[in-house]
Amino acid sequence: AVLVILSYLWQFCVLESVTLTSELGDVKDYCSREFDCFVSKLHFDTLFTRDITPVDCRLDYVDASVAELKDQYSAPITNCIRFVTPNAPEWLKNAAIG
């Protein structure tokens, strides 16, 4: 039970992550919200080869970066992560839920 509570608090109080499948259209939205996004192919070997491509999230380049990645990957998996901005009321709420 403690492990579940700690993983919940980690997800909502420290590191926020989102996984997008098949379409890269939402990447621009997450880049604008200060996420760091990475694209990889959907394959078991990706865990071992670490063949992950970062998305250039600078506003001037994100469209070109996404278009290039669409050509490179047929069925991409996109992971976007960011650190949660410190916010005491949110932390208290999530600690109470945990």
N, C-alpha and C. Protein backbone atom coordinates (compact mmCIF):
# COMPACT_ATOMS: atom_id res chain seq x y z
N ALA A 1 0.82 -1.19 0.00
CA ALA A 1 0.00 0.00 0.00
C ALA A 1 0.87 1.26 0.00
N VAL A 2 1.99 1.20 0.72
CA VAL A 2 2.88 2.36 0.79
C VAL A 2 3.47 2.66 -0.59
N LEU A 3 3.80 1.62 -1.34
CA LEU A 3 4.35 1.80 -2.68
C LEU A 3 3.34 2.47 -3.61
N VAL A 4 2.09 2.11 -3.51
CA VAL A 4 1.03 2.73 -4.32
C VAL A 4 0.88 4.20 -3.96
N ILE A 5 0.90 4.51 -2.69
CA ILE A 5 0.77 5.90 -2.24
C ILE A 5 1.96 6.73 -2.72
N LEU A 6 3.17 6.19 -2.60
CA LEU A 6 4.35 6.92 -3.04
C LEU A 6 4.36 7.13 -4.55
N SER A 7 3.93 6.14 -5.32
CA SER A 7 3.88 6.31 -6.78
C SER A 7 2.82 7.33 -7.17
N TYR A 8 1.71 7.37 -6.45
CA TYR A 8 0.68 8.38 -6.70
C TYR A 8 1.23 9.78 -6.43
N LEU A 9 1.88 9.95 -5.29
CA LEU A 9 2.44 11.25 -4.95
C LEU A 9 3.54 11.67 -5.92
N TRP A 10 4.36 10.71 -6.38
CA TRP A 10 5.40 11.02 -7.36
C TRP A 10 4.76 11.53 -8.65
N GLN A 11 3.71 10.85 -9.11
CA GLN A 11 3.05 11.22 -10.37
C GLN A 11 2.41 12.60 -10.31
N PHE A 12 1.80 12.96 -9.21
CA PHE A 12 1.04 14.20 -9.16
C PHE A 12 1.76 15.35 -8.45
N CYS A 13 2.85 15.08 -7.73
CA CYS A 13 3.54 16.15 -6.99
C CYS A 13 4.96 16.41 -7.47
N VAL A 14 5.56 15.48 -8.20
CA VAL A 14 6.95 15.65 -8.60
C VAL A 14 7.10 15.65 -10.11
N LEU A 15 6.69 14.60 -10.78
CA LEU A 15 6.94 14.45 -12.21
C LEU A 15 5.64 14.08 -12.92
N GLU A 16 5.20 14.93 -13.82
CA GLU A 16 3.98 14.68 -14.60
C GLU A 16 4.38 14.09 -15.94
N SER A 17 3.72 13.03 -16.36
CA SER A 17 4.05 12.42 -17.64
C SER A 17 2.78 12.08 -18.41
N VAL A 18 2.91 12.11 -19.73
CA VAL A 18 1.80 11.79 -20.63
C VAL A 18 2.35 10.91 -21.74
N THR A 19 1.62 9.88 -22.12
CA THR A 19 2.00 9.03 -23.24
C THR A 19 0.95 9.16 -24.32
N LEU A 20 1.41 9.52 -25.51
CA LEU A 20 0.52 9.68 -26.67
C LEU A 20 0.83 8.55 -27.65
N THR A 21 -0.22 8.02 -28.27
CA THR A 21 -0.02 6.94 -29.23
C THR A 21 -0.45 7.35 -30.62
N SER A 22 0.24 6.89 -31.59
CA SER A 22 -0.01 6.93 -33.04
C SER A 22 0.00 8.32 -33.68
N GLU A 23 -0.54 9.34 -33.08
CA GLU A 23 -0.58 10.66 -33.71
C GLU A 23 0.35 11.62 -32.99
N LEU A 24 1.02 12.46 -33.76
CA LEU A 24 1.92 13.45 -33.18
C LEU A 24 1.26 14.82 -33.09
N GLY A 25 -0.04 14.91 -33.37
CA GLY A 25 -0.72 16.19 -33.40
C GLY A 25 -0.78 16.90 -32.05
N ASP A 26 -0.87 16.17 -30.97
CA ASP A 26 -0.98 16.78 -29.65
C ASP A 26 0.36 17.21 -29.07
N VAL A 27 1.44 16.87 -29.73
CA VAL A 27 2.77 17.18 -29.20
C VAL A 27 2.96 18.69 -29.07
N LYS A 28 2.47 19.44 -30.04
CA LYS A 28 2.62 20.90 -30.00
C LYS A 28 1.94 21.47 -28.76
N ASP A 29 0.78 20.94 -28.41
CA ASP A 29 0.06 21.39 -27.22
C ASP A 29 0.89 21.15 -25.96
N TYR A 30 1.48 19.96 -25.85
CA TYR A 30 2.29 19.64 -24.67
C TYR A 30 3.59 20.44 -24.66
N CYS A 31 4.16 20.69 -25.82
CA CYS A 31 5.37 21.53 -25.89
C CYS A 31 5.06 22.95 -25.41
N SER A 32 3.89 23.46 -25.77
CA SER A 32 3.52 24.81 -25.34
C SER A 32 3.29 24.88 -23.83
N ARG A 33 3.01 23.74 -23.20
CA ARG A 33 2.82 23.70 -21.75
C ARG A 33 4.10 23.28 -21.02
N GLU A 34 5.24 23.45 -21.70
CA GLU A 34 6.57 23.24 -21.13
C GLU A 34 6.90 21.80 -20.78
N PHE A 35 6.34 20.86 -21.54
CA PHE A 35 6.73 19.46 -21.42
C PHE A 35 7.95 19.22 -22.31
N ASP A 36 8.76 18.24 -21.96
CA ASP A 36 9.83 17.76 -22.83
C ASP A 36 9.32 16.45 -23.43
N CYS A 37 9.30 16.39 -24.77
CA CYS A 37 8.70 15.23 -25.44
C CYS A 37 9.75 14.42 -26.19
N PHE A 38 9.54 13.11 -26.22
CA PHE A 38 10.43 12.17 -26.88
C PHE A 38 9.59 11.18 -27.67
N VAL A 39 10.07 10.82 -28.86
CA VAL A 39 9.33 9.91 -29.73
C VAL A 39 10.16 8.65 -29.93
N SER A 40 9.48 7.51 -29.95
CA SER A 40 10.14 6.25 -30.23
C SER A 40 9.16 5.34 -30.97
N LYS A 41 9.71 4.28 -31.55
CA LYS A 41 8.84 3.33 -32.22
C LYS A 41 8.23 2.39 -31.19
N LEU A 42 7.09 1.83 -31.50
CA LEU A 42 6.43 0.88 -30.62
C LEU A 42 7.03 -0.49 -30.85
N HIS A 43 8.05 -0.80 -30.07
CA HIS A 43 8.72 -2.09 -30.20
C HIS A 43 9.41 -2.41 -28.88
N PHE A 44 9.45 -3.67 -28.54
CA PHE A 44 10.05 -4.11 -27.28
C PHE A 44 11.54 -3.76 -27.20
N ASP A 45 12.24 -3.78 -28.35
CA ASP A 45 13.67 -3.49 -28.37
C ASP A 45 14.00 -2.07 -27.93
N THR A 46 13.05 -1.17 -28.00
CA THR A 46 13.29 0.22 -27.62
C THR A 46 13.74 0.31 -26.15
N LEU A 47 13.28 -0.61 -25.31
CA LEU A 47 13.70 -0.62 -23.91
C LEU A 47 15.20 -0.86 -23.77
N PHE A 48 15.76 -1.63 -24.68
CA PHE A 48 17.18 -1.99 -24.59
C PHE A 48 18.07 -1.09 -25.44
N THR A 49 17.58 -0.67 -26.60
CA THR A 49 18.42 0.14 -27.50
C THR A 49 18.36 1.62 -27.16
N ARG A 50 17.32 2.03 -26.44
CA ARG A 50 17.12 3.44 -26.08
C ARG A 50 17.10 4.33 -27.31
N ASP A 51 16.47 3.82 -28.37
CA ASP A 51 16.35 4.56 -29.63
C ASP A 51 15.19 5.54 -29.50
N ILE A 52 15.45 6.67 -28.85
CA ILE A 52 14.43 7.67 -28.56
C ILE A 52 14.87 8.99 -29.16
N THR A 53 13.97 9.65 -29.89
CA THR A 53 14.29 10.91 -30.55
C THR A 53 13.60 12.05 -29.82
N PRO A 54 14.35 13.07 -29.38
CA PRO A 54 13.70 14.22 -28.73
C PRO A 54 12.99 15.10 -29.74
N VAL A 55 11.88 15.70 -29.31
CA VAL A 55 11.15 16.66 -30.13
C VAL A 55 11.70 18.04 -29.80
N ASP A 56 12.01 18.81 -30.82
CA ASP A 56 12.49 20.18 -30.61
C ASP A 56 11.28 21.04 -30.26
N CYS A 57 11.11 21.35 -28.98
CA CYS A 57 9.90 22.03 -28.50
C CYS A 57 10.00 23.55 -28.55
N ARG A 58 11.05 24.10 -29.11
CA ARG A 58 11.08 25.55 -29.27
C ARG A 58 9.96 25.94 -30.23
N LEU A 59 9.23 26.97 -29.91
CA LEU A 59 8.02 27.31 -30.67
C LEU A 59 8.28 27.52 -32.15
N ASP A 60 9.46 28.01 -32.51
CA ASP A 60 9.76 28.23 -33.92
C ASP A 60 9.97 26.93 -34.69
N TYR A 61 10.37 25.87 -34.00
CA TYR A 61 10.78 24.63 -34.66
C TYR A 61 9.85 23.45 -34.45
N VAL A 62 8.88 23.56 -33.58
CA VAL A 62 8.09 22.38 -33.21
C VAL A 62 7.32 21.81 -34.40
N ASP A 63 6.77 22.64 -35.28
CA ASP A 63 6.04 22.12 -36.45
C ASP A 63 6.96 21.34 -37.38
N ALA A 64 8.15 21.89 -37.65
CA ALA A 64 9.11 21.20 -38.52
C ALA A 64 9.59 19.91 -37.87
N SER A 65 9.81 19.94 -36.57
CA SER A 65 10.27 18.75 -35.86
C SER A 65 9.22 17.65 -35.91
N VAL A 66 7.96 18.00 -35.70
CA VAL A 66 6.87 17.02 -35.74
C VAL A 66 6.71 16.46 -37.14
N ALA A 67 6.80 17.31 -38.16
CA ALA A 67 6.66 16.84 -39.55
C ALA A 67 7.79 15.86 -39.90
N GLU A 68 9.00 16.15 -39.45
CA GLU A 68 10.13 15.26 -39.71
C GLU A 68 9.95 13.93 -39.00
N LEU A 69 9.44 13.96 -37.77
CA LEU A 69 9.23 12.73 -37.01
C LEU A 69 8.10 11.90 -37.59
N LYS A 70 7.07 12.53 -38.18
CA LYS A 70 5.99 11.78 -38.82
C LYS A 70 6.52 10.98 -39.98
N ASP A 71 7.49 11.54 -40.72
CA ASP A 71 8.09 10.81 -41.83
C ASP A 71 8.97 9.66 -41.35
N GLN A 72 9.58 9.84 -40.20
CA GLN A 72 10.53 8.87 -39.67
C GLN A 72 9.85 7.67 -39.00
N TYR A 73 8.72 7.90 -38.34
CA TYR A 73 8.05 6.84 -37.58
C TYR A 73 6.65 6.61 -38.13
N SER A 74 6.31 5.34 -38.38
CA SER A 74 4.97 5.04 -38.90
C SER A 74 3.93 4.95 -37.77
N ALA A 75 4.28 4.38 -36.64
CA ALA A 75 3.36 4.28 -35.50
C ALA A 75 4.11 4.69 -34.24
N PRO A 76 4.30 5.99 -34.04
CA PRO A 76 5.14 6.44 -32.92
C PRO A 76 4.44 6.41 -31.58
N ILE A 77 5.23 6.27 -30.56
CA ILE A 77 4.80 6.45 -29.17
C ILE A 77 5.52 7.70 -28.68
N THR A 78 4.78 8.65 -28.17
CA THR A 78 5.37 9.90 -27.70
C THR A 78 5.20 9.99 -26.20
N ASN A 79 6.29 10.24 -25.51
CA ASN A 79 6.27 10.45 -24.07
C ASN A 79 6.65 11.89 -23.79
N CYS A 80 5.82 12.57 -23.01
CA CYS A 80 6.08 13.94 -22.62
C CYS A 80 6.16 14.00 -21.10
N ILE A 81 7.20 14.66 -20.60
CA ILE A 81 7.38 14.74 -19.15
C ILE A 81 7.73 16.17 -18.75
N ARG A 82 7.42 16.51 -17.51
CA ARG A 82 7.83 17.79 -16.94
C ARG A 82 7.75 17.68 -15.42
N PHE A 83 8.53 18.52 -14.78
CA PHE A 83 8.43 18.61 -13.32
C PHE A 83 7.23 19.45 -12.97
N VAL A 84 6.51 19.05 -11.95
CA VAL A 84 5.33 19.77 -11.50
C VAL A 84 5.76 21.05 -10.79
N THR A 85 5.11 22.15 -11.13
CA THR A 85 5.39 23.42 -10.47
C THR A 85 4.95 23.33 -9.01
N PRO A 86 5.83 23.71 -8.08
CA PRO A 86 5.45 23.63 -6.66
C PRO A 86 4.20 24.47 -6.36
N ASN A 87 3.25 23.85 -5.70
CA ASN A 87 1.98 24.48 -5.41
C ASN A 87 1.44 23.84 -4.13
N ALA A 88 1.50 24.56 -3.03
CA ALA A 88 1.14 24.00 -1.72
C ALA A 88 -0.29 23.44 -1.66
N PRO A 89 -1.31 24.15 -2.16
CA PRO A 89 -2.66 23.57 -2.10
C PRO A 89 -2.79 22.26 -2.87
N GLU A 90 -2.13 22.15 -4.02
CA GLU A 90 -2.18 20.90 -4.78
C GLU A 90 -1.47 19.78 -4.02
N TRP A 91 -0.34 20.09 -3.42
CA TRP A 91 0.39 19.09 -2.66
C TRP A 91 -0.44 18.60 -1.47
N LEU A 92 -1.10 19.52 -0.78
CA LEU A 92 -1.95 19.12 0.36
C LEU A 92 -3.11 18.26 -0.11
N LYS A 93 -3.73 18.65 -1.22
CA LYS A 93 -4.85 17.87 -1.77
C LYS A 93 -4.40 16.47 -2.11
N ASN A 94 -3.25 16.34 -2.83
CA ASN A 94 -2.78 15.01 -3.22
C ASN A 94 -2.28 14.21 -2.04
N ALA A 95 -1.71 14.86 -1.03
CA ALA A 95 -1.31 14.14 0.17
C ALA A 95 -2.53 13.61 0.91
N ALA A 96 -3.61 14.37 0.94
CA ALA A 96 -4.84 13.90 1.58
C ALA A 96 -5.45 12.73 0.80
N ILE A 97 -5.40 12.79 -0.52
CA ILE A 97 -5.91 11.69 -1.33
C ILE A 97 -5.06 10.43 -1.13
N GLY A 98 -3.73 10.64 -1.08
CA GLY A 98 -2.81 9.50 -0.88
C GLY A 98 -2.99 8.88 0.48
